Amino acid sequence: MPAGALDRYCWLDRLERVLASGPASAQARIAGELVARCRELTKRIKELERELAAPVEQEAPTLLALSGCGVLTAAKLVAEIAGVHRFTTDAQLAKHGGSAPLPAS
């Protein structure tokens, strides 16, 4: 199983099949409960992402247009920045975000 795959239903399905085909044990039961919990959390995350999509599209469409910046990342940036207009320069925003260049010498 690839790292970070527990938010994909196909891998959760595979894990459930493997656990169901193996011997019954406390370890298998606990692992099955954890797989079920991962499935519940994945469903909730997807619901929240759908809920955030419209407000983020309205507030920050240019962020969503960036390659690799999805709804959750854009929502986090909007929340962290809390009003980009309060920064008078790009450098102030970069400093606030911890990405301002520092002198190396």
N, C-alpha and C. Protein backbone atom coordinates (compact mmCIF):
# COMPACT_ATOMS: atom_id res chain seq x y z
N MET A 1 0.85 -1.17 0.00
CA MET A 1 0.00 0.00 0.00
C MET A 1 0.90 1.23 0.00
N PRO A 2 0.60 2.17 -0.88
CA PRO A 2 1.40 3.40 -0.90
C PRO A 2 1.18 4.25 0.35
N ALA A 3 2.22 4.97 0.71
CA ALA A 3 2.09 5.88 1.85
C ALA A 3 1.02 6.92 1.56
N GLY A 4 0.22 7.24 2.56
CA GLY A 4 -0.83 8.24 2.40
C GLY A 4 -2.06 7.74 1.66
N ALA A 5 -2.24 6.44 1.56
CA ALA A 5 -3.35 5.89 0.78
C ALA A 5 -4.61 5.64 1.59
N LEU A 6 -4.58 5.90 2.88
CA LEU A 6 -5.73 5.56 3.71
C LEU A 6 -6.90 6.53 3.56
N ASP A 7 -6.79 7.49 2.65
CA ASP A 7 -7.93 8.35 2.35
C ASP A 7 -8.57 7.97 1.02
N ARG A 8 -8.18 6.83 0.49
CA ARG A 8 -8.75 6.36 -0.78
C ARG A 8 -9.55 5.09 -0.53
N TYR A 9 -10.77 5.12 -0.97
CA TYR A 9 -11.68 4.01 -0.70
C TYR A 9 -11.18 2.68 -1.27
N CYS A 10 -10.51 2.71 -2.41
CA CYS A 10 -10.04 1.45 -3.00
C CYS A 10 -9.05 0.74 -2.07
N TRP A 11 -8.18 1.51 -1.40
CA TRP A 11 -7.23 0.89 -0.48
C TRP A 11 -7.91 0.46 0.82
N LEU A 12 -8.87 1.21 1.27
CA LEU A 12 -9.62 0.80 2.46
C LEU A 12 -10.40 -0.49 2.18
N ASP A 13 -10.96 -0.59 0.97
CA ASP A 13 -11.66 -1.82 0.58
C ASP A 13 -10.71 -3.01 0.58
N ARG A 14 -9.53 -2.81 0.03
CA ARG A 14 -8.54 -3.90 0.00
C ARG A 14 -8.16 -4.33 1.41
N LEU A 15 -7.93 -3.36 2.27
CA LEU A 15 -7.58 -3.69 3.65
C LEU A 15 -8.69 -4.47 4.34
N GLU A 16 -9.92 -4.06 4.12
CA GLU A 16 -11.05 -4.78 4.73
C GLU A 16 -11.10 -6.23 4.23
N ARG A 17 -10.87 -6.42 2.93
CA ARG A 17 -10.87 -7.79 2.38
C ARG A 17 -9.75 -8.63 2.98
N VAL A 18 -8.57 -8.06 3.11
CA VAL A 18 -7.43 -8.79 3.69
C VAL A 18 -7.74 -9.16 5.13
N LEU A 19 -8.26 -8.22 5.89
CA LEU A 19 -8.58 -8.49 7.29
C LEU A 19 -9.68 -9.53 7.43
N ALA A 20 -10.67 -9.48 6.54
CA ALA A 20 -11.78 -10.44 6.60
C ALA A 20 -11.33 -11.85 6.23
N SER A 21 -10.33 -11.95 5.37
CA SER A 21 -9.89 -13.28 4.92
C SER A 21 -8.89 -13.92 5.87
N GLY A 22 -8.34 -13.15 6.79
CA GLY A 22 -7.35 -13.68 7.73
C GLY A 22 -8.01 -14.25 8.96
N PRO A 23 -7.18 -14.77 9.85
CA PRO A 23 -7.71 -15.33 11.10
C PRO A 23 -8.30 -14.25 12.00
N ALA A 24 -9.35 -14.61 12.70
CA ALA A 24 -9.99 -13.67 13.62
C ALA A 24 -9.10 -13.53 14.86
N SER A 25 -8.80 -12.30 15.20
CA SER A 25 -7.99 -12.03 16.39
C SER A 25 -8.32 -10.62 16.88
N ALA A 26 -7.88 -10.33 18.07
CA ALA A 26 -8.10 -8.98 18.61
C ALA A 26 -7.40 -7.95 17.74
N GLN A 27 -6.23 -8.29 17.25
CA GLN A 27 -5.48 -7.37 16.40
C GLN A 27 -6.23 -7.10 15.10
N ALA A 28 -6.79 -8.14 14.50
CA ALA A 28 -7.55 -7.97 13.26
C ALA A 28 -8.82 -7.15 13.50
N ARG A 29 -9.48 -7.39 14.63
CA ARG A 29 -10.69 -6.64 14.96
C ARG A 29 -10.37 -5.15 15.13
N ILE A 30 -9.29 -4.86 15.85
CA ILE A 30 -8.90 -3.47 16.07
C ILE A 30 -8.51 -2.82 14.74
N ALA A 31 -7.76 -3.53 13.93
CA ALA A 31 -7.38 -3.00 12.62
C ALA A 31 -8.62 -2.74 11.77
N GLY A 32 -9.62 -3.62 11.84
CA GLY A 32 -10.87 -3.42 11.11
C GLY A 32 -11.61 -2.18 11.59
N GLU A 33 -11.60 -1.96 12.90
CA GLU A 33 -12.23 -0.76 13.45
C GLU A 33 -11.51 0.50 12.98
N LEU A 34 -10.19 0.44 12.91
CA LEU A 34 -9.41 1.59 12.44
C LEU A 34 -9.67 1.87 10.96
N VAL A 35 -9.80 0.82 10.17
CA VAL A 35 -10.13 1.00 8.75
C VAL A 35 -11.52 1.65 8.63
N ALA A 36 -12.47 1.20 9.42
CA ALA A 36 -13.82 1.79 9.39
C ALA A 36 -13.76 3.26 9.80
N ARG A 37 -12.94 3.58 10.79
CA ARG A 37 -12.80 4.98 11.22
C ARG A 37 -12.16 5.83 10.13
N CYS A 38 -11.15 5.28 9.45
CA CYS A 38 -10.53 6.00 8.33
C CYS A 38 -11.57 6.29 7.25
N ARG A 39 -12.45 5.32 6.99
CA ARG A 39 -13.50 5.50 6.00
C ARG A 39 -14.45 6.64 6.43
N GLU A 40 -14.85 6.66 7.70
CA GLU A 40 -15.73 7.72 8.22
C GLU A 40 -15.07 9.10 8.10
N LEU A 41 -13.80 9.17 8.48
CA LEU A 41 -13.08 10.44 8.42
C LEU A 41 -12.90 10.92 6.99
N THR A 42 -12.62 10.00 6.08
CA THR A 42 -12.47 10.35 4.67
C THR A 42 -13.77 10.92 4.13
N LYS A 43 -14.88 10.29 4.49
CA LYS A 43 -16.18 10.78 4.05
C LYS A 43 -16.44 12.19 4.58
N ARG A 44 -16.12 12.42 5.84
CA ARG A 44 -16.34 13.74 6.45
C ARG A 44 -15.44 14.80 5.82
N ILE A 45 -14.20 14.45 5.57
CA ILE A 45 -13.26 15.38 4.94
C ILE A 45 -13.78 15.79 3.56
N LYS A 46 -14.26 14.83 2.80
CA LYS A 46 -14.79 15.13 1.46
C LYS A 46 -16.04 16.02 1.55
N GLU A 47 -16.88 15.78 2.55
CA GLU A 47 -18.06 16.64 2.75
C GLU A 47 -17.63 18.08 3.06
N LEU A 48 -16.66 18.23 3.96
CA LEU A 48 -16.19 19.56 4.33
C LEU A 48 -15.52 20.27 3.14
N GLU A 49 -14.79 19.50 2.36
CA GLU A 49 -14.15 20.08 1.17
C GLU A 49 -15.19 20.60 0.19
N ARG A 50 -16.26 19.84 -0.01
CA ARG A 50 -17.35 20.30 -0.89
C ARG A 50 -18.01 21.55 -0.33
N GLU A 51 -18.17 21.60 0.99
CA GLU A 51 -18.79 22.75 1.66
C GLU A 51 -17.92 24.01 1.51
N LEU A 52 -16.61 23.83 1.55
CA LEU A 52 -15.69 24.96 1.45
C LEU A 52 -15.48 25.44 0.01
N ALA A 53 -15.79 24.62 -0.96
CA ALA A 53 -15.46 24.92 -2.36
C ALA A 53 -16.07 26.25 -2.83
N ALA A 54 -17.34 26.48 -2.58
CA ALA A 54 -18.00 27.70 -3.08
C ALA A 54 -17.44 28.96 -2.42
N PRO A 55 -17.33 29.02 -1.09
CA PRO A 55 -16.78 30.23 -0.49
C PRO A 55 -15.33 30.50 -0.92
N VAL A 56 -14.54 29.46 -1.05
CA VAL A 56 -13.15 29.66 -1.46
C VAL A 56 -13.08 30.13 -2.91
N GLU A 57 -13.93 29.56 -3.75
CA GLU A 57 -13.97 30.00 -5.16
C GLU A 57 -14.34 31.48 -5.25
N GLN A 58 -15.23 31.92 -4.39
CA GLN A 58 -15.64 33.33 -4.39
C GLN A 58 -14.54 34.22 -3.82
N GLU A 59 -13.90 33.78 -2.75
CA GLU A 59 -12.91 34.61 -2.04
C GLU A 59 -11.54 34.60 -2.71
N ALA A 60 -11.13 33.45 -3.25
CA ALA A 60 -9.75 33.34 -3.75
C ALA A 60 -9.65 32.48 -5.00
N PRO A 61 -10.30 32.87 -6.09
CA PRO A 61 -10.23 32.05 -7.31
C PRO A 61 -8.82 31.96 -7.89
N THR A 62 -8.00 32.98 -7.68
CA THR A 62 -6.63 32.92 -8.21
C THR A 62 -5.79 31.88 -7.49
N LEU A 63 -6.06 31.65 -6.22
CA LEU A 63 -5.35 30.58 -5.51
C LEU A 63 -5.71 29.22 -6.09
N LEU A 64 -6.99 29.01 -6.36
CA LEU A 64 -7.44 27.73 -6.91
C LEU A 64 -6.89 27.50 -8.31
N ALA A 65 -6.55 28.57 -9.01
CA ALA A 65 -6.00 28.44 -10.36
C ALA A 65 -4.54 28.00 -10.34
N LEU A 66 -3.88 28.11 -9.20
CA LEU A 66 -2.48 27.70 -9.09
C LEU A 66 -2.39 26.18 -9.11
N SER A 67 -1.43 25.67 -9.84
CA SER A 67 -1.21 24.23 -9.89
C SER A 67 -0.85 23.70 -8.51
N GLY A 68 -1.57 22.68 -8.05
CA GLY A 68 -1.30 22.08 -6.76
C GLY A 68 -2.00 22.72 -5.58
N CYS A 69 -2.74 23.79 -5.81
CA CYS A 69 -3.45 24.46 -4.72
C CYS A 69 -4.93 24.11 -4.84
N GLY A 70 -5.39 23.23 -3.98
CA GLY A 70 -6.78 22.83 -3.99
C GLY A 70 -7.59 23.61 -2.98
N VAL A 71 -8.81 23.18 -2.79
CA VAL A 71 -9.75 23.88 -1.91
C VAL A 71 -9.22 23.98 -0.48
N LEU A 72 -8.70 22.88 0.06
CA LEU A 72 -8.26 22.90 1.46
C LEU A 72 -7.04 23.80 1.66
N THR A 73 -6.10 23.76 0.74
CA THR A 73 -4.92 24.61 0.85
C THR A 73 -5.30 26.08 0.71
N ALA A 74 -6.15 26.38 -0.26
CA ALA A 74 -6.60 27.76 -0.46
C ALA A 74 -7.37 28.26 0.76
N ALA A 75 -8.23 27.43 1.34
CA ALA A 75 -8.99 27.83 2.52
C ALA A 75 -8.05 28.12 3.69
N LYS A 76 -7.04 27.30 3.86
CA LYS A 76 -6.08 27.51 4.95
C LYS A 76 -5.32 28.82 4.74
N LEU A 77 -4.90 29.08 3.51
CA LEU A 77 -4.19 30.33 3.24
C LEU A 77 -5.08 31.55 3.51
N VAL A 78 -6.32 31.49 3.05
CA VAL A 78 -7.25 32.60 3.28
C VAL A 78 -7.45 32.82 4.78
N ALA A 79 -7.60 31.74 5.52
CA ALA A 79 -7.81 31.86 6.97
C ALA A 79 -6.57 32.38 7.68
N GLU A 80 -5.40 31.90 7.29
CA GLU A 80 -4.15 32.32 7.93
C GLU A 80 -3.84 33.79 7.64
N ILE A 81 -4.09 34.21 6.40
CA ILE A 81 -3.76 35.58 6.02
C ILE A 81 -4.77 36.56 6.60
N ALA A 82 -6.01 36.17 6.68
CA ALA A 82 -7.07 36.98 7.30
C ALA A 82 -7.12 38.40 6.75
N GLY A 83 -7.27 38.52 5.47
CA GLY A 83 -7.40 39.84 4.84
C GLY A 83 -6.09 40.32 4.27
N VAL A 84 -5.81 39.94 3.05
CA VAL A 84 -4.54 40.28 2.41
C VAL A 84 -4.33 41.78 2.31
N HIS A 85 -5.40 42.54 2.32
CA HIS A 85 -5.30 43.99 2.16
C HIS A 85 -4.68 44.68 3.37
N ARG A 86 -4.54 43.98 4.47
CA ARG A 86 -3.91 44.59 5.64
C ARG A 86 -2.39 44.67 5.50
N PHE A 87 -1.85 44.01 4.47
CA PHE A 87 -0.42 44.06 4.20
C PHE A 87 -0.19 45.07 3.08
N THR A 88 0.65 46.06 3.34
CA THR A 88 0.86 47.11 2.34
C THR A 88 1.85 46.70 1.26
N THR A 89 2.69 45.69 1.55
CA THR A 89 3.65 45.23 0.54
C THR A 89 3.67 43.71 0.50
N ASP A 90 4.20 43.18 -0.61
CA ASP A 90 4.36 41.73 -0.74
C ASP A 90 5.32 41.22 0.33
N ALA A 91 6.33 42.02 0.65
CA ALA A 91 7.32 41.61 1.65
C ALA A 91 6.69 41.43 3.03
N GLN A 92 5.73 42.28 3.38
CA GLN A 92 5.06 42.14 4.67
C GLN A 92 4.28 40.84 4.73
N LEU A 93 3.60 40.50 3.66
CA LEU A 93 2.86 39.25 3.61
C LEU A 93 3.82 38.06 3.70
N ALA A 94 4.93 38.12 2.98
CA ALA A 94 5.91 37.04 3.01
C ALA A 94 6.48 36.88 4.42
N LYS A 95 6.76 37.99 5.08
CA LYS A 95 7.28 37.94 6.44
C LYS A 95 6.26 37.32 7.39
N HIS A 96 5.00 37.70 7.24
CA HIS A 96 3.93 37.15 8.08
C HIS A 96 3.83 35.64 7.88
N GLY A 97 4.00 35.19 6.66
CA GLY A 97 3.89 33.77 6.35
C GLY A 97 5.17 32.99 6.63
N GLY A 98 6.23 33.69 7.03
CA GLY A 98 7.47 33.01 7.33
C GLY A 98 8.29 32.65 6.10
N SER A 99 8.00 33.29 4.99
CA SER A 99 8.74 32.96 3.76
C SER A 99 9.55 34.12 3.23
N ALA A 100 9.75 35.16 4.05
CA ALA A 100 10.53 36.32 3.61
C ALA A 100 12.00 35.91 3.53
N PRO A 101 12.66 36.32 2.46
CA PRO A 101 14.09 35.97 2.34
C PRO A 101 14.91 36.70 3.41
N LEU A 102 15.85 35.98 3.95
CA LEU A 102 16.75 36.56 4.96
C LEU A 102 18.15 36.68 4.38
N PRO A 103 18.88 37.69 4.79
CA PRO A 103 20.27 37.80 4.31
C PRO A 103 21.07 36.57 4.71
N ALA A 104 21.84 36.04 3.79
CA ALA A 104 22.61 34.82 4.06
C ALA A 104 24.03 35.12 4.51
N SER A 105 24.50 36.36 4.36
CA SER A 105 25.88 36.63 4.74
C SER A 105 25.96 37.62 5.89
